[in-house]
Amino acid sequence: MAIWNKIQLTMQYYLKEFVCTNLRWLEDVLFALNALQE
């Protein structure tokens, strides 16, 4: 059972890192699109 908890924590950690990275990337894209529209 302890192993399963460790796997869950690891997955949550990587998922959070993945989402944060993608949000930063998405913000850059939106910023670039706004700059192009002006």
Protein backbone atom coordinates (compact mmCIF):
# COMPACT_ATOMS: atom_id res chain seq x y z
CA MET A 1 0.00 0.00 0.00
CA ALA A 2 2.86 2.37 0.80
CA ILE A 3 4.27 1.80 -2.69
CA TRP A 4 0.94 2.82 -4.24
CA ASN A 5 0.92 6.04 -2.19
CA LYS A 6 4.44 6.82 -3.35
CA ILE A 7 3.44 6.23 -6.99
CA GLN A 8 0.43 8.51 -6.59
CA LEU A 9 2.54 11.29 -5.07
CA THR A 10 5.09 10.97 -7.86
CA MET A 11 2.40 11.11 -10.53
CA GLN A 12 0.81 14.16 -8.91
CA TYR A 13 4.21 15.87 -8.81
CA TYR A 14 4.96 15.22 -12.48
CA LEU A 15 1.43 16.18 -13.51
CA LYS A 16 1.75 19.49 -11.66
CA GLU A 17 5.13 20.19 -13.27
CA PHE A 18 3.70 19.29 -16.69
CA VAL A 19 0.67 21.56 -16.29
CA CYS A 20 2.76 24.48 -15.02
CA THR A 21 5.16 24.17 -17.94
CA ASN A 22 2.32 24.03 -20.45
CA LEU A 23 0.58 27.03 -18.89
CA ARG A 24 3.78 29.05 -19.21
CA TRP A 25 4.10 27.95 -22.84
CA LEU A 26 0.45 28.83 -23.50
CA GLU A 27 0.91 32.28 -21.97
CA ASP A 28 3.87 32.90 -24.29
CA VAL A 29 1.78 31.87 -27.30
CA LEU A 30 -1.15 34.08 -26.30
CA PHE A 31 1.22 36.99 -25.69
CA ALA A 32 2.74 36.52 -29.15
CA LEU A 33 -0.71 36.36 -30.76
CA ASN A 34 -1.76 39.57 -29.02
CA ALA A 35 1.43 41.28 -30.21
CA LEU A 36 0.69 40.20 -33.79
CA GLN A 37 -2.85 41.57 -33.67
CA GLU A 38 -1.77 45.07 -32.65
